[in-house]
């Protein structure tokens, strides 16, 4: 049913004004929540040590870049593991935060990223998750 509403939303004159008003307010709340969480992700990542992130513009995912030391990169590769994979595994083991290494997305050679969703709701909960991630990154 929800898919049908996205493809064919209620319209005035076809559905009641109450139905259309409810749909529009719920849709706006979802879109504003995504936008707010995208801004929060961008701001948080760019405040972290060794992480940069281009502005996230309403997508459901952030794709921040992690700047590893050459020593860590060489050590990881010598072990047969991508550095971003090791970072993501340490993150999930330490915090429970699940991310996907950028190496699975054909990132630019010599760069390392991870993908994280911004679907954690409410936005205050996303802030808590990012606080945990920030502590992990600083300790890591």
Protein backbone atom coordinates (compact mmCIF):
# COMPACT_ATOMS: atom_id res chain seq x y z
CA UNK A 1 0.00 0.00 0.00
CA UNK A 2 2.77 2.47 0.89
CA UNK A 3 4.42 1.93 -2.50
CA UNK A 4 1.13 2.70 -4.18
CA UNK A 5 0.89 5.97 -2.26
CA UNK A 6 4.34 7.02 -3.41
CA UNK A 7 3.52 6.22 -7.03
CA UNK A 8 -0.03 7.53 -6.92
CA UNK A 9 -0.40 9.85 -3.93
CA UNK A 10 -3.81 11.02 -2.79
CA UNK A 11 -5.14 14.06 -4.64
CA UNK A 12 -7.68 16.69 -3.74
CA UNK A 13 -10.96 16.01 -5.44
CA UNK A 14 -10.26 12.29 -5.57
CA UNK A 15 -9.60 11.70 -1.87
CA UNK A 16 -10.76 13.71 1.12
CA UNK A 17 -8.91 16.87 2.12
CA UNK A 18 -8.09 15.21 5.45
CA UNK A 19 -6.44 12.30 3.66
CA UNK A 20 -4.41 14.58 1.38
CA UNK A 21 -3.40 16.85 4.29
CA UNK A 22 -2.25 13.86 6.36
CA UNK A 23 -0.29 12.40 3.44
CA UNK A 24 1.41 15.73 2.70
CA UNK A 25 2.33 16.37 6.34
CA UNK A 26 3.73 12.85 6.80
CA UNK A 27 5.66 13.06 3.52
CA UNK A 28 7.11 16.45 4.51
CA UNK A 29 8.12 15.10 7.94
CA UNK A 30 9.96 12.16 6.32
CA UNK A 31 11.73 14.39 3.79
CA UNK A 32 12.71 16.99 6.41
CA UNK A 33 13.99 14.23 8.69
CA UNK A 34 16.18 12.87 5.90
CA UNK A 35 17.48 16.37 5.19
CA UNK A 36 18.18 17.09 8.87
CA UNK A 37 20.02 13.79 9.35
CA UNK A 38 22.04 14.34 6.15
CA UNK A 39 23.17 17.74 7.49
CA UNK A 40 23.98 16.17 10.87
CA UNK A 41 26.06 13.44 9.21
CA UNK A 42 28.00 15.93 7.08
CA UNK A 43 28.68 18.26 10.01
CA UNK A 44 29.72 15.42 12.33
CA UNK A 45 32.03 13.73 9.84
CA UNK A 46 33.77 16.98 8.98
CA UNK A 47 34.39 17.63 12.69
CA UNK A 48 36.10 14.25 13.15
CA UNK A 49 39.82 13.49 13.04
CA UNK A 50 40.99 11.97 9.74
CA UNK A 51 37.51 11.99 8.18
CA UNK A 52 36.14 14.29 5.49
CA UNK A 53 32.78 14.25 3.80
CA UNK A 54 31.26 16.16 0.93
CA UNK A 55 27.83 17.61 1.62
CA UNK A 56 25.19 14.90 1.73
CA UNK A 57 22.30 16.20 -0.33
CA UNK A 58 19.25 14.27 0.72
CA UNK A 59 20.43 10.76 -0.08
CA UNK A 60 19.84 8.00 2.41
CA UNK A 61 23.57 7.37 2.71
CA UNK A 62 26.74 9.19 3.67
CA UNK A 63 30.05 8.17 2.10
CA UNK A 64 32.76 9.84 4.21
CA UNK A 65 36.43 9.45 3.37
CA UNK A 66 38.78 8.08 6.02
CA UNK A 67 42.40 9.22 5.84
CA UNK A 68 44.58 6.35 7.10
CA UNK A 69 48.29 6.46 7.78
CA UNK A 70 50.56 4.84 5.21
CA UNK A 71 51.72 2.43 7.92
CA UNK A 72 48.15 1.23 8.57
CA UNK A 73 47.41 0.94 4.85
CA UNK A 74 50.57 -1.09 4.24
CA UNK A 75 49.88 -3.32 7.27
CA UNK A 76 46.27 -3.98 6.19
CA UNK A 77 47.22 -4.76 2.61
CA UNK A 78 50.02 -7.07 3.82
CA UNK A 79 47.34 -8.97 5.77
CA UNK A 80 45.25 -9.22 2.60
CA UNK A 81 42.57 -6.86 3.91
CA UNK A 82 41.40 -3.49 2.70
CA UNK A 83 42.02 -0.75 5.30
CA UNK A 84 38.42 0.48 5.15
CA UNK A 85 37.20 -3.09 5.78
CA UNK A 86 39.33 -3.33 8.92
CA UNK A 87 38.07 0.08 10.09
CA UNK A 88 34.42 -0.93 9.55
CA UNK A 89 34.92 -4.26 11.33
CA UNK A 90 36.58 -2.55 14.30
CA UNK A 91 33.70 -0.07 14.35
CA UNK A 92 30.96 -2.70 14.43
CA UNK A 93 32.82 -4.77 17.02
CA UNK A 94 33.39 -1.75 19.26
CA UNK A 95 30.12 0.14 18.84
CA UNK A 96 27.56 -2.07 17.13
CA UNK A 97 27.36 0.51 14.33
CA UNK A 98 27.21 -1.29 11.02
CA UNK A 99 28.73 0.39 7.98
CA UNK A 100 29.88 -0.86 4.59
CA UNK A 101 33.49 -0.42 3.46
CA UNK A 102 33.90 1.81 0.44
CA UNK A 103 36.15 -0.77 -1.19
CA UNK A 104 32.95 -2.61 -2.10
CA UNK A 105 31.84 0.37 -4.21
CA UNK A 106 34.81 0.73 -6.56
CA UNK A 107 36.06 3.86 -4.80
CA UNK A 108 38.87 5.84 -6.37
CA UNK A 109 42.13 3.88 -5.97
CA UNK A 110 44.17 5.04 -3.01
CA UNK A 111 41.15 6.43 -1.16
CA UNK A 112 39.17 4.79 1.61
CA UNK A 113 35.56 5.38 2.61
CA UNK A 114 32.64 3.80 4.38
CA UNK A 115 28.93 4.02 3.71
CA UNK A 116 26.48 4.73 6.48
CA UNK A 117 22.73 5.18 6.33
CA UNK A 118 20.91 8.20 7.68
CA UNK A 119 17.70 6.28 8.31
CA UNK A 120 18.17 6.08 12.09
CA UNK A 121 15.16 7.80 13.61
CA UNK A 122 14.38 9.97 15.38
CA UNK A 123 17.13 12.43 14.50
CA UNK A 124 18.09 12.65 18.20
CA UNK A 125 18.87 8.91 18.08
CA UNK A 126 21.04 9.52 15.02
CA UNK A 127 22.94 12.08 17.08
CA UNK A 128 23.56 9.43 19.77
CA UNK A 129 24.85 6.98 17.14
CA UNK A 130 27.17 9.62 15.71
CA UNK A 131 28.46 10.45 19.19
CA UNK A 132 29.42 6.78 19.61
CA UNK A 133 31.06 6.78 16.18
CA UNK A 134 32.98 9.95 17.02
CA UNK A 135 34.33 8.42 20.26
CA UNK A 136 35.28 5.23 18.40
CA UNK A 137 37.10 7.19 15.71
CA UNK A 138 39.01 9.33 18.22
CA UNK A 139 40.08 6.25 20.21
CA UNK A 140 40.87 4.22 17.10
